[in-house]
Structures are given as C-alpha cells and as structure tokens.
Amino acid sequence: MRALYFADLTSLLTVQKQWITGLSFFFSSGAVATLVAKGPAWIPIVLSSLVAMITPWAIAVNLDASELAETDAPYDPVRIARWQDHVFLQYHLVSA
C-alpha cells in the first residue's frame, strides 16, 4: 500500500514540478513578450513577478529531492485511503 501511495504521490509532485518549470520557461521567454506587447502595461510586470517568485521557490523546495520523501512527504489521507481500499479489494481483505 505504501509503495502505491508514494508512487502516486511522486507522480503528482513530478507533474507539479514540470508545470512550474514549463510555465517559468514560457513566461520568461520572448514569445510571451511578443504576445503581451500590445496589452496593458501591467501584464509584463505581473508575469515577470510571477516568474521571479516561482523559480526560486521551485529551486528551494526541490520537489524531486529524495530528502523530501524522508522528512517532509505530504500526508494525503484521501490518497492513502484510496490505495488502502485498492489493496484490500485486490487481496480480499476486510478493513479493520
């Protein structure tokens, strides 16, 4: 059950990190500058501020570090209950 839970959790955290990295690259690229050049003046400021906040946070948190699993792995009771039910059904066990 734990292996399934942590595999699911790892998958979720990996997707989160990929989104953060992808959005950081996109917002900091010249393509966005071209898209918002004719828009309101506040849009480039907001986007650059967003990248300036997300990038250091992603580096500091280091979502794919193995130390996270040892010390700060998030506890998701709904996710763990889903995998517990899955294992119980698979092996015809009764929940206590």
PDB file of N, CA and C in Angstrom:
ATOM      1  N   MET A   1       0.817  -1.175   0.000  1.00  0.00           N
ATOM      2  CA  MET A   1       0.000   0.000   0.000  1.00  0.00           C
ATOM      3  C   MET A   1       0.873   1.256   0.000  1.00  0.00           C
ATOM      4  N   ARG A   2       1.927   1.253   0.819  1.00  0.00           N
ATOM      5  CA  ARG A   2       2.817   2.421   0.871  1.00  0.00           C
ATOM      6  C   ARG A   2       3.514   2.659  -0.464  1.00  0.00           C
ATOM      7  N   ALA A   3       3.936   1.586  -1.098  1.00  0.00           N
ATOM      8  CA  ALA A   3       4.613   1.739  -2.393  1.00  0.00           C
ATOM      9  C   ALA A   3       3.680   2.380  -3.416  1.00  0.00           C
ATOM     10  N   LEU A   4       2.431   1.947  -3.444  1.00  0.00           N
ATOM     11  CA  LEU A   4       1.462   2.533  -4.373  1.00  0.00           C
ATOM     12  C   LEU A   4       1.192   3.996  -4.027  1.00  0.00           C
ATOM     13  N   TYR A   5       1.063   4.289  -2.737  1.00  0.00           N
ATOM     14  CA  TYR A   5       0.810   5.664  -2.290  1.00  0.00           C
ATOM     15  C   TYR A   5       1.959   6.590  -2.685  1.00  0.00           C
ATOM     16  N   PHE A   6       3.189   6.170  -2.395  1.00  0.00           N
ATOM     17  CA  PHE A   6       4.332   7.033  -2.698  1.00  0.00           C
ATOM     18  C   PHE A   6       4.598   7.129  -4.204  1.00  0.00           C
ATOM     19  N   ALA A   7       4.292   6.074  -4.950  1.00  0.00           N
ATOM     20  CA  ALA A   7       4.406   6.163  -6.407  1.00  0.00           C
ATOM     21  C   ALA A   7       3.404   7.180  -6.951  1.00  0.00           C
ATOM     22  N   ASP A   8       2.190   7.156  -6.426  1.00  0.00           N
ATOM     23  CA  ASP A   8       1.166   8.115  -6.837  1.00  0.00           C
ATOM     24  C   ASP A   8       1.555   9.527  -6.433  1.00  0.00           C
ATOM     25  N   LEU A   9       2.061   9.678  -5.227  1.00  0.00           N
ATOM     26  CA  LEU A   9       2.494  10.981  -4.727  1.00  0.00           C
ATOM     27  C   LEU A   9       3.664  11.518  -5.541  1.00  0.00           C
ATOM     28  N   THR A  10       4.604  10.648  -5.875  1.00  0.00           N
ATOM     29  CA  THR A  10       5.750  11.047  -6.695  1.00  0.00           C
ATOM     30  C   THR A  10       5.297  11.523  -8.070  1.00  0.00           C
ATOM     31  N   SER A  11       4.344  10.811  -8.624  1.00  0.00           N
ATOM     32  CA  SER A  11       3.805  11.205  -9.920  1.00  0.00           C
ATOM     33  C   SER A  11       3.171  12.584  -9.852  1.00  0.00           C
ATOM     34  N   LEU A  12       2.397  12.840  -8.799  1.00  0.00           N
ATOM     35  CA  LEU A  12       1.769  14.150  -8.620  1.00  0.00           C
ATOM     36  C   LEU A  12       2.807  15.257  -8.482  1.00  0.00           C
ATOM     37  N   LEU A  13       3.822  15.034  -7.656  1.00  0.00           N
ATOM     38  CA  LEU A  13       4.853  16.049  -7.445  1.00  0.00           C
ATOM     39  C   LEU A  13       5.686  16.281  -8.703  1.00  0.00           C
ATOM     40  N   THR A  14       5.917  15.221  -9.469  1.00  0.00           N
ATOM     41  CA  THR A  14       6.655  15.374 -10.718  1.00  0.00           C
ATOM     42  C   THR A  14       5.871  16.220 -11.714  1.00  0.00           C
ATOM     43  N   VAL A  15       4.578  15.985 -11.806  1.00  0.00           N
ATOM     44  CA  VAL A  15       3.739  16.784 -12.704  1.00  0.00           C
ATOM     45  C   VAL A  15       3.724  18.246 -12.260  1.00  0.00           C
ATOM     46  N   GLN A  16       3.628  18.474 -10.948  1.00  0.00           N
ATOM     47  CA  GLN A  16       3.657  19.845 -10.428  1.00  0.00           C
ATOM     48  C   GLN A  16       4.960  20.540 -10.813  1.00  0.00           C
ATOM     49  N   LYS A  17       6.078  19.833 -10.641  1.00  0.00           N
ATOM     50  CA  LYS A  17       7.369  20.432 -10.966  1.00  0.00           C
ATOM     51  C   LYS A  17       7.482  20.709 -12.463  1.00  0.00           C
ATOM     52  N   GLN A  18       6.971  19.801 -13.286  1.00  0.00           N
ATOM     53  CA  GLN A  18       7.015  20.015 -14.729  1.00  0.00           C
ATOM     54  C   GLN A  18       6.194  21.237 -15.125  1.00  0.00           C
ATOM     55  N   TRP A  19       5.040  21.431 -14.522  1.00  0.00           N
ATOM     56  CA  TRP A  19       4.224  22.614 -14.807  1.00  0.00           C
ATOM     57  C   TRP A  19       4.936  23.890 -14.385  1.00  0.00           C
ATOM     58  N   ILE A  20       5.520  23.879 -13.193  1.00  0.00           N
ATOM     59  CA  ILE A  20       6.228  25.062 -12.701  1.00  0.00           C
ATOM     60  C   ILE A  20       7.399  25.398 -13.617  1.00  0.00           C
ATOM     61  N   THR A  21       8.166  24.390 -13.999  1.00  0.00           N
ATOM     62  CA  THR A  21       9.315  24.613 -14.874  1.00  0.00           C
ATOM     63  C   THR A  21       8.866  25.100 -16.249  1.00  0.00           C
ATOM     64  N   GLY A  22       7.859  24.452 -16.793  1.00  0.00           N
ATOM     65  CA  GLY A  22       7.362  24.845 -18.106  1.00  0.00           C
ATOM     66  C   GLY A  22       6.810  26.259 -18.120  1.00  0.00           C
ATOM     67  N   LEU A  23       6.015  26.596 -17.098  1.00  0.00           N
ATOM     68  CA  LEU A  23       5.471  27.952 -17.023  1.00  0.00           C
ATOM     69  C   LEU A  23       6.568  28.987 -16.821  1.00  0.00           C
ATOM     70  N   SER A  24       7.573  28.648 -16.029  1.00  0.00           N
ATOM     71  CA  SER A  24       8.689  29.577 -15.829  1.00  0.00           C
ATOM     72  C   SER A  24       9.414  29.857 -17.137  1.00  0.00           C
ATOM     73  N   PHE A  25       9.692  28.797 -17.898  1.00  0.00           N
ATOM     74  CA  PHE A  25      10.348  28.989 -19.188  1.00  0.00           C
ATOM     75  C   PHE A  25       9.472  29.797 -20.142  1.00  0.00           C
ATOM     76  N   PHE A  26       8.182  29.466 -20.165  1.00  0.00           N
ATOM     77  CA  PHE A  26       7.280  30.160 -21.091  1.00  0.00           C
ATOM     78  C   PHE A  26       7.144  31.637 -20.735  1.00  0.00           C
ATOM     79  N   PHE A  27       6.899  31.922 -19.440  1.00  0.00           N
ATOM     80  CA  PHE A  27       6.699  33.314 -19.034  1.00  0.00           C
ATOM     81  C   PHE A  27       7.964  34.148 -19.166  1.00  0.00           C
ATOM     82  N   SER A  28       9.110  33.508 -19.083  1.00  0.00           N
ATOM     83  CA  SER A  28      10.348  34.272 -19.191  1.00  0.00           C
ATOM     84  C   SER A  28      10.864  34.346 -20.631  1.00  0.00           C
ATOM     85  N   SER A  29      10.124  33.772 -21.558  1.00  0.00           N
ATOM     86  CA  SER A  29      10.589  33.758 -22.944  1.00  0.00           C
ATOM     87  C   SER A  29      10.154  34.997 -23.706  1.00  0.00           C
ATOM     88  N   GLY A  30      10.776  35.190 -24.835  1.00  0.00           N
ATOM     89  CA  GLY A  30      10.426  36.307 -25.701  1.00  0.00           C
ATOM     90  C   GLY A  30       9.060  36.129 -26.343  1.00  0.00           C
ATOM     91  N   ALA A  31       8.575  34.880 -26.428  1.00  0.00           N
ATOM     92  CA  ALA A  31       7.254  34.633 -27.019  1.00  0.00           C
ATOM     93  C   ALA A  31       6.156  35.336 -26.228  1.00  0.00           C
ATOM     94  N   VAL A  32       6.248  35.268 -24.928  1.00  0.00           N
ATOM     95  CA  VAL A  32       5.248  35.950 -24.097  1.00  0.00           C
ATOM     96  C   VAL A  32       5.377  37.452 -24.251  1.00  0.00           C
ATOM     97  N   ALA A  33       6.604  37.939 -24.323  1.00  0.00           N
ATOM     98  CA  ALA A  33       6.796  39.380 -24.503  1.00  0.00           C
ATOM     99  C   ALA A  33       6.135  39.854 -25.793  1.00  0.00           C
ATOM    100  N   THR A  34       6.242  39.042 -26.821  1.00  0.00           N
ATOM    101  CA  THR A  34       5.602  39.382 -28.094  1.00  0.00           C
ATOM    102  C   THR A  34       4.083  39.352 -27.966  1.00  0.00           C
ATOM    103  N   LEU A  35       3.565  38.363 -27.263  1.00  0.00           N
ATOM    104  CA  LEU A  35       2.115  38.230 -27.104  1.00  0.00           C
ATOM    105  C   LEU A  35       1.496  39.369 -26.303  1.00  0.00           C
ATOM    106  N   VAL A  36       2.194  39.826 -25.266  1.00  0.00           N
ATOM    107  CA  VAL A  36       1.605  40.842 -24.388  1.00  0.00           C
ATOM    108  C   VAL A  36       2.093  42.253 -24.687  1.00  0.00           C
ATOM    109  N   ALA A  37       2.882  42.421 -25.737  1.00  0.00           N
ATOM    110  CA  ALA A  37       3.437  43.740 -26.048  1.00  0.00           C
ATOM    111  C   ALA A  37       2.353  44.776 -26.314  1.00  0.00           C
ATOM    112  N   LYS A  38       1.258  44.341 -26.897  1.00  0.00           N
ATOM    113  CA  LYS A  38       0.193  45.279 -27.212  1.00  0.00           C
ATOM    114  C   LYS A  38      -0.886  45.323 -26.146  1.00  0.00           C
ATOM    115  N   GLY A  39      -0.685  44.617 -25.079  1.00  0.00           N
ATOM    116  CA  GLY A  39      -1.662  44.604 -23.990  1.00  0.00           C
ATOM    117  C   GLY A  39      -1.381  45.701 -22.980  1.00  0.00           C
ATOM    118  N   PRO A  40      -2.108  45.665 -21.882  1.00  0.00           N
ATOM    119  CA  PRO A  40      -1.890  46.648 -20.818  1.00  0.00           C
ATOM    120  C   PRO A  40      -0.475  46.561 -20.242  1.00  0.00           C
ATOM    121  N   ALA A  41       0.006  47.661 -19.719  1.00  0.00           N
ATOM    122  CA  ALA A  41       1.385  47.741 -19.208  1.00  0.00           C
ATOM    123  C   ALA A  41       1.602  46.878 -17.980  1.00  0.00           C
ATOM    124  N   TRP A  42       0.556  46.553 -17.238  1.00  0.00           N
ATOM    125  CA  TRP A  42       0.718  45.786 -16.004  1.00  0.00           C
ATOM    126  C   TRP A  42       0.961  44.301 -16.259  1.00  0.00           C
ATOM    127  N   ILE A  43       0.611  43.777 -17.424  1.00  0.00           N
ATOM    128  CA  ILE A  43       0.761  42.346 -17.691  1.00  0.00           C
ATOM    129  C   ILE A  43       2.223  41.898 -17.648  1.00  0.00           C
ATOM    130  N   PRO A  44       3.162  42.562 -18.325  1.00  0.00           N
ATOM    131  CA  PRO A  44       4.566  42.120 -18.225  1.00  0.00           C
ATOM    132  C   PRO A  44       5.107  42.189 -16.794  1.00  0.00           C
ATOM    133  N   ILE A  45       4.651  43.181 -16.043  1.00  0.00           N
ATOM    134  CA  ILE A  45       5.105  43.302 -14.650  1.00  0.00           C
ATOM    135  C   ILE A  45       4.617  42.121 -13.825  1.00  0.00           C
ATOM    136  N   VAL A  46       3.350  41.761 -14.000  1.00  0.00           N
ATOM    137  CA  VAL A  46       2.789  40.631 -13.260  1.00  0.00           C
ATOM    138  C   VAL A  46       3.477  39.327 -13.653  1.00  0.00           C
ATOM    139  N   LEU A  47       3.665  39.112 -14.946  1.00  0.00           N
ATOM    140  CA  LEU A  47       4.298  37.872 -15.397  1.00  0.00           C
ATOM    141  C   LEU A  47       5.744  37.755 -14.938  1.00  0.00           C
ATOM    142  N   SER A  48       6.494  38.849 -15.011  1.00  0.00           N
ATOM    143  CA  SER A  48       7.886  38.780 -14.554  1.00  0.00           C
ATOM    144  C   SER A  48       7.951  38.595 -13.042  1.00  0.00           C
ATOM    145  N   SER A  49       7.019  39.185 -12.316  1.00  0.00           N
ATOM    146  CA  SER A  49       6.968  38.982 -10.864  1.00  0.00           C
ATOM    147  C   SER A  49       6.625  37.538 -10.534  1.00  0.00           C
ATOM    148  N   LEU A  50       5.696  36.973 -11.292  1.00  0.00           N
ATOM    149  CA  LEU A  50       5.313  35.579 -11.084  1.00  0.00           C
ATOM    150  C   LEU A  50       6.507  34.652 -11.289  1.00  0.00           C
ATOM    151  N   VAL A  51       7.248  34.849 -12.362  1.00  0.00           N
ATOM    152  CA  VAL A  51       8.435  34.034 -12.623  1.00  0.00           C
ATOM    153  C   VAL A  51       9.480  34.246 -11.529  1.00  0.00           C
ATOM    154  N   ALA A  52       9.631  35.497 -11.103  1.00  0.00           N
ATOM    155  CA  ALA A  52      10.615  35.805 -10.058  1.00  0.00           C
ATOM    156  C   ALA A  52      10.255  35.130  -8.740  1.00  0.00           C
ATOM    157  N   MET A  53       8.999  34.864  -8.483  1.00  0.00           N
ATOM    158  CA  MET A  53       8.588  34.189  -7.246  1.00  0.00           C
ATOM    159  C   MET A  53       8.610  32.671  -7.391  1.00  0.00           C
ATOM    160  N   ILE A  54       8.170  32.167  -8.536  1.00  0.00           N
ATOM    161  CA  ILE A  54       8.057  30.719  -8.724  1.00  0.00           C
ATOM    162  C   ILE A  54       9.418  30.042  -8.864  1.00  0.00           C
ATOM    163  N   THR A  55      10.322  30.636  -9.596  1.00  0.00           N
ATOM    164  CA  THR A  55      11.612  29.998  -9.860  1.00  0.00           C
ATOM    165  C   THR A  55      12.424  29.743  -8.592  1.00  0.00           C
ATOM    166  N   PRO A  56      12.635  30.750  -7.730  1.00  0.00           N
ATOM    167  CA  PRO A  56      13.386  30.446  -6.505  1.00  0.00           C
ATOM    168  C   PRO A  56      12.653  29.476  -5.587  1.00  0.00           C
ATOM    169  N   TRP A  57      11.319  29.560  -5.582  1.00  0.00           N
ATOM    170  CA  TRP A  57      10.546  28.639  -4.746  1.00  0.00           C
ATOM    171  C   TRP A  57      10.759  27.205  -5.222  1.00  0.00           C
ATOM    172  N   ALA A  58      10.705  26.978  -6.542  1.00  0.00           N
ATOM    173  CA  ALA A  58      10.897  25.633  -7.076  1.00  0.00           C
ATOM    174  C   ALA A  58      12.295  25.113  -6.773  1.00  0.00           C
ATOM    175  N   ILE A  59      13.278  25.994  -6.843  1.00  0.00           N
ATOM    176  CA  ILE A  59      14.652  25.590  -6.529  1.00  0.00           C
ATOM    177  C   ILE A  59      14.799  25.291  -5.035  1.00  0.00           C
ATOM    178  N   ALA A  60      14.230  26.147  -4.199  1.00  0.00           N
ATOM    179  CA  ALA A  60      14.349  25.967  -2.746  1.00  0.00           C
ATOM    180  C   ALA A  60      13.623  24.715  -2.270  1.00  0.00           C
ATOM    181  N   VAL A  61      12.454  24.471  -2.802  1.00  0.00           N
ATOM    182  CA  VAL A  61      11.676  23.304  -2.383  1.00  0.00           C
ATOM    183  C   VAL A  61      12.243  22.032  -2.977  1.00  0.00           C
ATOM    184  N   ASN A  62      12.794  22.146  -4.188  1.00  0.00           N
ATOM    185  CA  ASN A  62      13.373  20.999  -4.889  1.00  0.00           C
ATOM    186  C   ASN A  62      12.432  19.804  -4.829  1.00  0.00           C
ATOM    187  N   LEU A  63      11.327  19.923  -5.543  1.00  0.00           N
ATOM    188  CA  LEU A  63      10.241  18.960  -5.455  1.00  0.00           C
ATOM    189  C   LEU A  63      10.627  17.519  -5.761  1.00  0.00           C
ATOM    190  N   ASP A  64      11.706  17.280  -6.490  1.00  0.00           N
ATOM    191  CA  ASP A  64      12.059  15.901  -6.809  1.00  0.00           C
ATOM    192  C   ASP A  64      13.188  15.359  -5.931  1.00  0.00           C
ATOM    193  N   ALA A  65      13.543  16.040  -4.848  1.00  0.00           N
ATOM    194  CA  ALA A  65      14.642  15.563  -3.994  1.00  0.00           C
ATOM    195  C   ALA A  65      14.202  14.383  -3.161  1.00  0.00           C
ATOM    196  N   SER A  66      15.106  13.413  -2.983  1.00  0.00           N
ATOM    197  CA  SER A  66      14.772  12.227  -2.184  1.00  0.00           C
ATOM    198  C   SER A  66      14.642  12.569  -0.704  1.00  0.00           C
ATOM    199  N   GLU A  67      15.266  13.675  -0.278  1.00  0.00           N
ATOM    200  CA  GLU A  67      15.144  14.066   1.130  1.00  0.00           C
ATOM    201  C   GLU A  67      13.701  14.404   1.484  1.00  0.00           C
ATOM    202  N   LEU A  68      12.932  14.862   0.498  1.00  0.00           N
ATOM    203  CA  LEU A  68      11.531  15.202   0.732  1.00  0.00           C
ATOM    204  C   LEU A  68      10.758  13.981   1.203  1.00  0.00           C
ATOM    205  N   ALA A  69      11.030  12.830   0.615  1.00  0.00           N
ATOM    206  CA  ALA A  69      10.326  11.613   0.987  1.00  0.00           C
ATOM    207  C   ALA A  69      10.652  11.187   2.410  1.00  0.00           C
ATOM    208  N   GLU A  70      11.855  11.496   2.865  1.00  0.00           N
ATOM    209  CA  GLU A  70      12.254  11.088   4.205  1.00  0.00           C
ATOM    210  C   GLU A  70      11.708  11.995   5.299  1.00  0.00           C
ATOM    211  N   THR A  71      11.617  13.299   5.001  1.00  0.00           N
ATOM    212  CA  THR A  71      11.304  14.235   6.073  1.00  0.00           C
ATOM    213  C   THR A  71       9.999  14.984   5.918  1.00  0.00           C
ATOM    214  N   ASP A  72       9.702  15.434   4.719  1.00  0.00           N
ATOM    215  CA  ASP A  72       8.564  16.321   4.536  1.00  0.00           C
ATOM    216  C   ASP A  72       7.555  15.808   3.522  1.00  0.00           C
ATOM    217  N   ALA A  73       7.444  14.508   3.369  1.00  0.00           N
ATOM    218  CA  ALA A  73       6.473  13.985   2.417  1.00  0.00           C
ATOM    219  C   ALA A  73       5.075  14.361   2.894  1.00  0.00           C
ATOM    220  N   PRO A  74       4.292  14.945   2.009  1.00  0.00           N
ATOM    221  CA  PRO A  74       2.950  15.353   2.424  1.00  0.00           C
ATOM    222  C   PRO A  74       2.076  14.143   2.721  1.00  0.00           C
ATOM    223  N   TYR A  75       1.215  14.285   3.710  1.00  0.00           N
ATOM    224  CA  TYR A  75       0.278  13.233   4.068  1.00  0.00           C
ATOM    225  C   TYR A  75      -1.066  13.576   3.456  1.00  0.00           C
ATOM    226  N   ASP A  76      -1.520  12.742   2.561  1.00  0.00           N
ATOM    227  CA  ASP A  76      -2.794  12.946   1.879  1.00  0.00           C
ATOM    228  C   ASP A  76      -3.723  11.796   2.265  1.00  0.00           C
ATOM    229  N   PRO A  77      -4.583  12.008   3.267  1.00  0.00           N
ATOM    230  CA  PRO A  77      -5.424  10.906   3.764  1.00  0.00           C
ATOM    231  C   PRO A  77      -6.371  10.333   2.704  1.00  0.00           C
ATOM    232  N   VAL A  78      -6.862  11.163   1.807  1.00  0.00           N
ATOM    233  CA  VAL A  78      -7.756  10.673   0.754  1.00  0.00           C
ATOM    234  C   VAL A  78      -6.997   9.754  -0.197  1.00  0.00           C
ATOM    235  N   ARG A  79      -5.794  10.166  -0.571  1.00  0.00           N
ATOM    236  CA  ARG A  79      -4.975   9.373  -1.489  1.00  0.00           C
ATOM    237  C   ARG A  79      -4.554   8.054  -0.836  1.00  0.00           C
ATOM    238  N   ILE A  80      -4.177   8.099   0.415  1.00  0.00           N
ATOM    239  CA  ILE A  80      -3.745   6.863   1.080  1.00  0.00           C
ATOM    240  C   ILE A  80      -4.927   5.929   1.308  1.00  0.00           C
ATOM    241  N   ALA A  81      -6.108   6.480   1.581  1.00  0.00           N
ATOM    242  CA  ALA A  81      -7.305   5.642   1.750  1.00  0.00           C
ATOM    243  C   ALA A  81      -7.671   4.964   0.431  1.00  0.00           C
ATOM    244  N   ARG A  82      -7.497   5.685  -0.686  1.00  0.00           N
ATOM    245  CA  ARG A  82      -7.790   5.093  -1.991  1.00  0.00           C
ATOM    246  C   ARG A  82      -6.891   3.891  -2.259  1.00  0.00           C
ATOM    247  N   TRP A  83      -5.604   4.020  -1.933  1.00  0.00           N
ATOM    248  CA  TRP A  83      -4.689   2.896  -2.176  1.00  0.00           C
ATOM    249  C   TRP A  83      -4.898   1.776  -1.167  1.00  0.00           C
ATOM    250  N   GLN A  84      -5.289   2.110   0.046  1.00  0.00           N
ATOM    251  CA  GLN A  84      -5.599   1.076   1.033  1.00  0.00           C
ATOM    252  C   GLN A  84      -6.811   0.274   0.559  1.00  0.00           C
ATOM    253  N   ASP A  85      -7.846   0.945   0.102  1.00  0.00           N
ATOM    254  CA  ASP A  85      -9.019   0.249  -0.421  1.00  0.00           C
ATOM    255  C   ASP A  85      -8.656  -0.613  -1.627  1.00  0.00           C
ATOM    256  N   HIS A  86      -7.787  -0.102  -2.480  1.00  0.00           N
ATOM    257  CA  HIS A  86      -7.349  -0.860  -3.649  1.00  0.00           C
ATOM    258  C   HIS A  86      -6.665  -2.168  -3.232  1.00  0.00           C
ATOM    259  N   VAL A  87      -5.758  -2.081  -2.269  1.00  0.00           N
ATOM    260  CA  VAL A  87      -5.039  -3.271  -1.806  1.00  0.00           C
ATOM    261  C   VAL A  87      -5.993  -4.229  -1.110  1.00  0.00           C
ATOM    262  N   PHE A  88      -6.902  -3.723  -0.281  1.00  0.00           N
ATOM    263  CA  PHE A  88      -7.864  -4.575   0.404  1.00  0.00           C
ATOM    264  C   PHE A  88      -8.758  -5.319  -0.594  1.00  0.00           C
ATOM    265  N   LEU A  89      -9.195  -4.619  -1.631  1.00  0.00           N
ATOM    266  CA  LEU A  89     -10.023  -5.285  -2.645  1.00  0.00           C
ATOM    267  C   LEU A  89      -9.221  -6.314  -3.424  1.00  0.00           C
ATOM    268  N   GLN A  90      -7.973  -5.989  -3.737  1.00  0.00           N
ATOM    269  CA  GLN A  90      -7.128  -6.884  -4.521  1.00  0.00           C
ATOM    270  C   GLN A  90      -6.880  -8.190  -3.785  1.00  0.00           C
ATOM    271  N   TYR A  91      -6.673  -8.122  -2.481  1.00  0.00           N
ATOM    272  CA  TYR A  91      -6.347  -9.322  -1.704  1.00  0.00           C
ATOM    273  C   TYR A  91      -7.520  -9.817  -0.865  1.00  0.00           C
ATOM    274  N   HIS A  92      -8.713  -9.302  -1.124  1.00  0.00           N
ATOM    275  CA  HIS A  92      -9.935  -9.729  -0.440  1.00  0.00           C
ATOM    276  C   HIS A  92      -9.800  -9.631   1.079  1.00  0.00           C
ATOM    277  N   LEU A  93      -9.267  -8.506   1.526  1.00  0.00           N
ATOM    278  CA  LEU A  93      -9.108  -8.260   2.947  1.00  0.00           C
ATOM    279  C   LEU A  93     -10.272  -7.422   3.444  1.00  0.00           C
ATOM    280  N   VAL A  94     -10.470  -7.464   4.755  1.00  0.00           N
ATOM    281  CA  VAL A  94     -11.551  -6.679   5.367  1.00  0.00           C
ATOM    282  C   VAL A  94     -10.918  -5.544   6.136  1.00  0.00           C
ATOM    283  N   SER A  95     -11.427  -4.336   5.930  1.00  0.00           N
ATOM    284  CA  SER A  95     -10.922  -3.177   6.665  1.00  0.00           C
ATOM    285  C   SER A  95     -11.253  -3.300   8.134  1.00  0.00           C
ATOM    286  N   ALA A  96     -10.283  -2.970   8.984  1.00  0.00           N
ATOM    287  CA  ALA A  96     -10.481  -3.086  10.437  1.00  0.00           C
ATOM    288  C   ALA A  96     -11.216  -1.885  10.991  1.00  0.00           C
TER     289      ALA A  96
END
